Amino acid sequence: MIKVLEEAIAKIRDLPRERQMAAAEVMEVIAAQIDNRLSPTEIAGVKKAQKAVRAGKYASDRRVKSFFIRFHA
């Protein structure tokens, strides 16, 4: 554990119970977001897209517009 985190936790120990609970909830949210790595399939997709960009292959404006209409984005 890094020193700044240890110091923050030491300060939190002296807070009222309600503030400690709020701090714990925030830390739980952060901890739950740790596993944000890409799957092997997603990595392959990124590599394919990078290769296409290097080759100068981009989606046309028409295809991009169609995508956004189709997915309501």
PDB file of N, CA and C in Angstrom:
ATOM      1  N   MET A   1       0.851  -1.169   0.000  1.00  0.00           N
ATOM      2  CA  MET A   1       0.000   0.000   0.000  1.00  0.00           C
ATOM      3  C   MET A   1       0.898   1.234   0.000  1.00  0.00           C
ATOM      4  N   ILE A   2       0.523   2.224  -0.800  1.00  0.00           N
ATOM      5  CA  ILE A   2       1.348   3.427  -0.880  1.00  0.00           C
ATOM      6  C   ILE A   2       1.135   4.300   0.348  1.00  0.00           C
ATOM      7  N   LYS A   3       2.144   5.081   0.679  1.00  0.00           N
ATOM      8  CA  LYS A   3       2.147   5.894   1.889  1.00  0.00           C
ATOM      9  C   LYS A   3       0.970   6.873   1.949  1.00  0.00           C
ATOM     10  N   VAL A   4       0.661   7.523   0.839  1.00  0.00           N
ATOM     11  CA  VAL A   4      -0.423   8.509   0.852  1.00  0.00           C
ATOM     12  C   VAL A   4      -1.765   7.850   1.170  1.00  0.00           C
ATOM     13  N   LEU A   5      -1.972   6.622   0.715  1.00  0.00           N
ATOM     14  CA  LEU A   5      -3.200   5.900   1.038  1.00  0.00           C
ATOM     15  C   LEU A   5      -3.229   5.517   2.517  1.00  0.00           C
ATOM     16  N   GLU A   6      -2.098   5.060   3.034  1.00  0.00           N
ATOM     17  CA  GLU A   6      -2.015   4.750   4.464  1.00  0.00           C
ATOM     18  C   GLU A   6      -2.329   5.978   5.310  1.00  0.00           C
ATOM     19  N   GLU A   7      -1.805   7.140   4.903  1.00  0.00           N
ATOM     20  CA  GLU A   7      -2.055   8.377   5.645  1.00  0.00           C
ATOM     21  C   GLU A   7      -3.530   8.766   5.593  1.00  0.00           C
ATOM     22  N   ALA A   8      -4.161   8.604   4.426  1.00  0.00           N
ATOM     23  CA  ALA A   8      -5.579   8.932   4.286  1.00  0.00           C
ATOM     24  C   ALA A   8      -6.428   8.021   5.165  1.00  0.00           C
ATOM     25  N   ILE A   9      -6.107   6.743   5.191  1.00  0.00           N
ATOM     26  CA  ILE A   9      -6.860   5.799   6.021  1.00  0.00           C
ATOM     27  C   ILE A   9      -6.684   6.125   7.499  1.00  0.00           C
ATOM     28  N   ALA A  10      -5.485   6.520   7.893  1.00  0.00           N
ATOM     29  CA  ALA A  10      -5.246   6.912   9.285  1.00  0.00           C
ATOM     30  C   ALA A  10      -6.122   8.103   9.667  1.00  0.00           C
ATOM     31  N   LYS A  11      -6.274   9.058   8.763  1.00  0.00           N
ATOM     32  CA  LYS A  11      -7.136  10.215   9.026  1.00  0.00           C
ATOM     33  C   LYS A  11      -8.596   9.797   9.116  1.00  0.00           C
ATOM     34  N   ILE A  12      -9.001   8.878   8.249  1.00  0.00           N
ATOM     35  CA  ILE A  12     -10.390   8.417   8.230  1.00  0.00           C
ATOM     36  C   ILE A  12     -10.742   7.702   9.529  1.00  0.00           C
ATOM     37  N   ARG A  13      -9.789   7.012  10.137  1.00  0.00           N
ATOM     38  CA  ARG A  13     -10.046   6.303  11.402  1.00  0.00           C
ATOM     39  C   ARG A  13     -10.530   7.254  12.509  1.00  0.00           C
ATOM     40  N   ASP A  14     -10.125   8.521  12.435  1.00  0.00           N
ATOM     41  CA  ASP A  14     -10.499   9.493  13.458  1.00  0.00           C
ATOM     42  C   ASP A  14     -11.819  10.194  13.165  1.00  0.00           C
ATOM     43  N   LEU A  15     -12.418   9.923  12.019  1.00  0.00           N
ATOM     44  CA  LEU A  15     -13.680  10.565  11.648  1.00  0.00           C
ATOM     45  C   LEU A  15     -14.857   9.880  12.337  1.00  0.00           C
ATOM     46  N   PRO A  16     -15.999  10.581  12.426  1.00  0.00           N
ATOM     47  CA  PRO A  16     -17.214   9.942  12.958  1.00  0.00           C
ATOM     48  C   PRO A  16     -17.607   8.734  12.098  1.00  0.00           C
ATOM     49  N   ARG A  17     -18.361   7.833  12.680  1.00  0.00           N
ATOM     50  CA  ARG A  17     -18.768   6.594  12.012  1.00  0.00           C
ATOM     51  C   ARG A  17     -19.407   6.842  10.646  1.00  0.00           C
ATOM     52  N   GLU A  18     -20.286   7.828  10.548  1.00  0.00           N
ATOM     53  CA  GLU A  18     -20.980   8.118   9.285  1.00  0.00           C
ATOM     54  C   GLU A  18     -19.982   8.491   8.185  1.00  0.00           C
ATOM     55  N   ARG A  19     -18.982   9.288   8.539  1.00  0.00           N
ATOM     56  CA  ARG A  19     -17.970   9.683   7.537  1.00  0.00           C
ATOM     57  C   ARG A  19     -17.101   8.494   7.157  1.00  0.00           C
ATOM     58  N   GLN A  20     -16.826   7.611   8.124  1.00  0.00           N
ATOM     59  CA  GLN A  20     -16.061   6.402   7.820  1.00  0.00           C
ATOM     60  C   GLN A  20     -16.837   5.521   6.842  1.00  0.00           C
ATOM     61  N   MET A  21     -18.142   5.419   7.046  1.00  0.00           N
ATOM     62  CA  MET A  21     -18.979   4.619   6.144  1.00  0.00           C
ATOM     63  C   MET A  21     -18.957   5.204   4.733  1.00  0.00           C
ATOM     64  N   ALA A  22     -19.041   6.528   4.631  1.00  0.00           N
ATOM     65  CA  ALA A  22     -19.002   7.173   3.313  1.00  0.00           C
ATOM     66  C   ALA A  22     -17.664   6.900   2.628  1.00  0.00           C
ATOM     67  N   ALA A  23     -16.582   7.000   3.388  1.00  0.00           N
ATOM     68  CA  ALA A  23     -15.256   6.738   2.816  1.00  0.00           C
ATOM     69  C   ALA A  23     -15.152   5.283   2.365  1.00  0.00           C
ATOM     70  N   ALA A  24     -15.685   4.376   3.153  1.00  0.00           N
ATOM     71  CA  ALA A  24     -15.652   2.948   2.797  1.00  0.00           C
ATOM     72  C   ALA A  24     -16.431   2.692   1.511  1.00  0.00           C
ATOM     73  N   GLU A  25     -17.581   3.347   1.367  1.00  0.00           N
ATOM     74  CA  GLU A  25     -18.379   3.174   0.150  1.00  0.00           C
ATOM     75  C   GLU A  25     -17.622   3.646  -1.081  1.00  0.00           C
ATOM     76  N   VAL A  26     -16.943   4.786  -0.956  1.00  0.00           N
ATOM     77  CA  VAL A  26     -16.161   5.309  -2.079  1.00  0.00           C
ATOM     78  C   VAL A  26     -15.042   4.343  -2.431  1.00  0.00           C
ATOM     79  N   MET A  27     -14.367   3.822  -1.421  1.00  0.00           N
ATOM     80  CA  MET A  27     -13.276   2.881  -1.682  1.00  0.00           C
ATOM     81  C   MET A  27     -13.792   1.598  -2.323  1.00  0.00           C
ATOM     82  N   GLU A  28     -14.982   1.146  -1.925  1.00  0.00           N
ATOM     83  CA  GLU A  28     -15.569  -0.047  -2.528  1.00  0.00           C
ATOM     84  C   GLU A  28     -15.871   0.178  -4.014  1.00  0.00           C
ATOM     85  N   VAL A  29     -16.365   1.353  -4.354  1.00  0.00           N
ATOM     86  CA  VAL A  29     -16.645   1.675  -5.764  1.00  0.00           C
ATOM     87  C   VAL A  29     -15.352   1.643  -6.566  1.00  0.00           C
ATOM     88  N   ILE A  30     -14.311   2.246  -6.024  1.00  0.00           N
ATOM     89  CA  ILE A  30     -13.015   2.261  -6.713  1.00  0.00           C
ATOM     90  C   ILE A  30     -12.472   0.838  -6.860  1.00  0.00           C
ATOM     91  N   ALA A  31     -12.554   0.055  -5.811  1.00  0.00           N
ATOM     92  CA  ALA A  31     -12.043  -1.320  -5.851  1.00  0.00           C
ATOM     93  C   ALA A  31     -12.805  -2.172  -6.854  1.00  0.00           C
ATOM     94  N   ALA A  32     -14.087  -1.922  -7.012  1.00  0.00           N
ATOM     95  CA  ALA A  32     -14.902  -2.702  -7.947  1.00  0.00           C
ATOM     96  C   ALA A  32     -14.537  -2.415  -9.393  1.00  0.00           C
ATOM     97  N   GLN A  33     -13.864  -1.322  -9.649  1.00  0.00           N
ATOM     98  CA  GLN A  33     -13.521  -0.929 -11.011  1.00  0.00           C
ATOM     99  C   GLN A  33     -12.134  -1.405 -11.420  1.00  0.00           C
ATOM    100  N   ILE A  34     -11.517  -2.217 -10.631  1.00  0.00           N
ATOM    101  CA  ILE A  34     -10.146  -2.660 -10.909  1.00  0.00           C
ATOM    102  C   ILE A  34     -10.046  -3.495 -12.178  1.00  0.00           C
ATOM    103  N   ASP A  35     -10.971  -4.404 -12.390  1.00  0.00           N
ATOM    104  CA  ASP A  35     -10.863  -5.339 -13.508  1.00  0.00           C
ATOM    105  C   ASP A  35     -11.437  -4.724 -14.782  1.00  0.00           C
ATOM    106  N   ASN A  36     -10.699  -3.781 -15.338  1.00  0.00           N
ATOM    107  CA  ASN A  36     -11.165  -3.126 -16.557  1.00  0.00           C
ATOM    108  C   ASN A  36     -10.280  -3.484 -17.750  1.00  0.00           C
ATOM    109  N   ARG A  37      -9.659  -4.640 -17.662  1.00  0.00           N
ATOM    110  CA  ARG A  37      -8.809  -5.101 -18.758  1.00  0.00           C
ATOM    111  C   ARG A  37      -9.660  -5.612 -19.910  1.00  0.00           C
ATOM    112  N   LEU A  38      -9.095  -5.546 -21.093  1.00  0.00           N
ATOM    113  CA  LEU A  38      -9.797  -6.029 -22.282  1.00  0.00           C
ATOM    114  C   LEU A  38      -9.659  -7.539 -22.396  1.00  0.00           C
ATOM    115  N   SER A  39     -10.680  -8.157 -22.955  1.00  0.00           N
ATOM    116  CA  SER A  39     -10.631  -9.597 -23.212  1.00  0.00           C
ATOM    117  C   SER A  39      -9.743  -9.837 -24.436  1.00  0.00           C
ATOM    118  N   PRO A  40      -9.303 -11.059 -24.640  1.00  0.00           N
ATOM    119  CA  PRO A  40      -8.504 -11.358 -25.838  1.00  0.00           C
ATOM    120  C   PRO A  40      -9.233 -10.977 -27.138  1.00  0.00           C
ATOM    121  N   THR A  41     -10.542 -11.167 -27.183  1.00  0.00           N
ATOM    122  CA  THR A  41     -11.314 -10.797 -28.372  1.00  0.00           C
ATOM    123  C   THR A  41     -11.307  -9.287 -28.574  1.00  0.00           C
ATOM    124  N   GLU A  42     -11.459  -8.546 -27.479  1.00  0.00           N
ATOM    125  CA  GLU A  42     -11.443  -7.080 -27.577  1.00  0.00           C
ATOM    126  C   GLU A  42     -10.066  -6.579 -28.003  1.00  0.00           C
ATOM    127  N   ILE A  43      -9.007  -7.190 -27.472  1.00  0.00           N
ATOM    128  CA  ILE A  43      -7.643  -6.807 -27.856  1.00  0.00           C
ATOM    129  C   ILE A  43      -7.429  -7.055 -29.345  1.00  0.00           C
ATOM    130  N   ALA A  44      -7.908  -8.192 -29.847  1.00  0.00           N
ATOM    131  CA  ALA A  44      -7.786  -8.499 -31.278  1.00  0.00           C
ATOM    132  C   ALA A  44      -8.525  -7.457 -32.105  1.00  0.00           C
ATOM    133  N   GLY A  45      -9.691  -7.029 -31.648  1.00  0.00           N
ATOM    134  CA  GLY A  45     -10.452  -5.996 -32.356  1.00  0.00           C
ATOM    135  C   GLY A  45      -9.724  -4.671 -32.393  1.00  0.00           C
ATOM    136  N   VAL A  46      -9.094  -4.312 -31.280  1.00  0.00           N
ATOM    137  CA  VAL A  46      -8.322  -3.065 -31.229  1.00  0.00           C
ATOM    138  C   VAL A  46      -7.135  -3.137 -32.191  1.00  0.00           C
ATOM    139  N   LYS A  47      -6.432  -4.265 -32.186  1.00  0.00           N
ATOM    140  CA  LYS A  47      -5.286  -4.422 -33.089  1.00  0.00           C
ATOM    141  C   LYS A  47      -5.716  -4.356 -34.547  1.00  0.00           C
ATOM    142  N   LYS A  48      -6.857  -4.953 -34.867  1.00  0.00           N
ATOM    143  CA  LYS A  48      -7.388  -4.910 -36.232  1.00  0.00           C
ATOM    144  C   LYS A  48      -7.716  -3.474 -36.624  1.00  0.00           C
ATOM    145  N   ALA A  49      -8.333  -2.735 -35.710  1.00  0.00           N
ATOM    146  CA  ALA A  49      -8.672  -1.334 -35.986  1.00  0.00           C
ATOM    147  C   ALA A  49      -7.414  -0.491 -36.161  1.00  0.00           C
ATOM    148  N   GLN A  50      -6.399  -0.728 -35.336  1.00  0.00           N
ATOM    149  CA  GLN A  50      -5.145   0.017 -35.466  1.00  0.00           C
ATOM    150  C   GLN A  50      -4.494  -0.247 -36.821  1.00  0.00           C
ATOM    151  N   LYS A  51      -4.524  -1.487 -37.243  1.00  0.00           N
ATOM    152  CA  LYS A  51      -3.947  -1.856 -38.545  1.00  0.00           C
ATOM    153  C   LYS A  51      -4.700  -1.138 -39.674  1.00  0.00           C
ATOM    154  N   ALA A  52      -6.022  -1.105 -39.580  1.00  0.00           N
ATOM    155  CA  ALA A  52      -6.829  -0.431 -40.604  1.00  0.00           C
ATOM    156  C   ALA A  52      -6.526   1.060 -40.649  1.00  0.00           C
ATOM    157  N   VAL A  53      -6.379   1.676 -39.485  1.00  0.00           N
ATOM    158  CA  VAL A  53      -6.061   3.111 -39.440  1.00  0.00           C
ATOM    159  C   VAL A  53      -4.699   3.368 -40.072  1.00  0.00           C
ATOM    160  N   ARG A  54      -3.721   2.530 -39.740  1.00  0.00           N
ATOM    161  CA  ARG A  54      -2.385   2.699 -40.343  1.00  0.00           C
ATOM    162  C   ARG A  54      -2.435   2.567 -41.858  1.00  0.00           C
ATOM    163  N   ALA A  55      -3.368   1.741 -42.357  1.00  0.00           N
ATOM    164  CA  ALA A  55      -3.519   1.551 -43.804  1.00  0.00           C
ATOM    165  C   ALA A  55      -4.384   2.638 -44.435  1.00  0.00           C
ATOM    166  N   GLY A  56      -4.873   3.573 -43.600  1.00  0.00           N
ATOM    167  CA  GLY A  56      -5.691   4.670 -44.124  1.00  0.00           C
ATOM    168  C   GLY A  56      -7.140   4.287 -44.373  1.00  0.00           C
ATOM    169  N   LYS A  57      -7.599   3.219 -43.764  1.00  0.00           N
ATOM    170  CA  LYS A  57      -8.978   2.767 -43.969  1.00  0.00           C
ATOM    171  C   LYS A  57      -9.859   3.288 -42.833  1.00  0.00           C
ATOM    172  N   TYR A  58     -10.776   4.160 -43.183  1.00  0.00           N
ATOM    173  CA  TYR A  58     -11.692   4.754 -42.217  1.00  0.00           C
ATOM    174  C   TYR A  58     -13.120   4.541 -42.692  1.00  0.00           C
ATOM    175  N   ALA A  59     -14.056   4.590 -41.743  1.00  0.00           N
ATOM    176  CA  ALA A  59     -15.470   4.516 -42.116  1.00  0.00           C
ATOM    177  C   ALA A  59     -15.871   5.824 -42.789  1.00  0.00           C
ATOM    178  N   SER A  60     -16.698   5.723 -43.816  1.00  0.00           N
ATOM    179  CA  SER A  60     -17.195   6.924 -44.487  1.00  0.00           C
ATOM    180  C   SER A  60     -18.154   7.666 -43.570  1.00  0.00           C
ATOM    181  N   ASP A  61     -18.385   8.931 -43.858  1.00  0.00           N
ATOM    182  CA  ASP A  61     -19.353   9.712 -43.086  1.00  0.00           C
ATOM    183  C   ASP A  61     -20.713   9.035 -43.103  1.00  0.00           C
ATOM    184  N   ARG A  62     -21.059   8.475 -44.244  1.00  0.00           N
ATOM    185  CA  ARG A  62     -22.352   7.798 -44.384  1.00  0.00           C
ATOM    186  C   ARG A  62     -22.460   6.605 -43.434  1.00  0.00           C
ATOM    187  N   ARG A  63     -21.396   5.800 -43.360  1.00  0.00           N
ATOM    188  CA  ARG A  63     -21.408   4.635 -42.468  1.00  0.00           C
ATOM    189  C   ARG A  63     -21.457   5.053 -41.006  1.00  0.00           C
ATOM    190  N   VAL A  64     -20.748   6.108 -40.659  1.00  0.00           N
ATOM    191  CA  VAL A  64     -20.754   6.594 -39.274  1.00  0.00           C
ATOM    192  C   VAL A  64     -22.155   7.078 -38.908  1.00  0.00           C
ATOM    193  N   LYS A  65     -22.764   7.860 -39.810  1.00  0.00           N
ATOM    194  CA  LYS A  65     -24.118   8.359 -39.573  1.00  0.00           C
ATOM    195  C   LYS A  65     -25.090   7.189 -39.425  1.00  0.00           C
ATOM    196  N   SER A  66     -24.965   6.194 -40.279  1.00  0.00           N
ATOM    197  CA  SER A  66     -25.819   5.020 -40.229  1.00  0.00           C
ATOM    198  C   SER A  66     -25.672   4.290 -38.893  1.00  0.00           C
ATOM    199  N   PHE A  67     -24.453   4.190 -38.420  1.00  0.00           N
ATOM    200  CA  PHE A  67     -24.193   3.546 -37.133  1.00  0.00           C
ATOM    201  C   PHE A  67     -24.943   4.260 -36.025  1.00  0.00           C
ATOM    202  N   PHE A  68     -24.803   5.578 -35.969  1.00  0.00           N
ATOM    203  CA  PHE A  68     -25.448   6.339 -34.894  1.00  0.00           C
ATOM    204  C   PHE A  68     -26.965   6.276 -34.973  1.00  0.00           C
ATOM    205  N   ILE A  69     -27.491   6.242 -36.175  1.00  0.00           N
ATOM    206  CA  ILE A  69     -28.950   6.107 -36.324  1.00  0.00           C
ATOM    207  C   ILE A  69     -29.380   4.718 -35.857  1.00  0.00           C
ATOM    208  N   ARG A  70     -28.643   3.710 -36.265  1.00  0.00           N
ATOM    209  CA  ARG A  70     -29.008   2.333 -35.921  1.00  0.00           C
ATOM    210  C   ARG A  70     -28.977   2.079 -34.413  1.00  0.00           C
ATOM    211  N   PHE A  71     -27.987   2.632 -33.726  1.00  0.00           N
ATOM    212  CA  PHE A  71     -27.829   2.366 -32.299  1.00  0.00           C
ATOM    213  C   PHE A  71     -28.319   3.505 -31.415  1.00  0.00           C
ATOM    214  N   HIS A  72     -29.031   4.433 -32.017  1.00  0.00           N
ATOM    215  CA  HIS A  72     -29.628   5.548 -31.274  1.00  0.00           C
ATOM    216  C   HIS A  72     -28.615   6.260 -30.397  1.00  0.00           C
ATOM    217  N   ALA A  73     -27.440   6.433 -30.917  1.00  0.00           N
ATOM    218  CA  ALA A  73     -26.378   7.075 -30.124  1.00  0.00           C
ATOM    219  C   ALA A  73     -26.249   8.539 -30.453  1.00  0.00           C
TER     220      ALA A  73
END
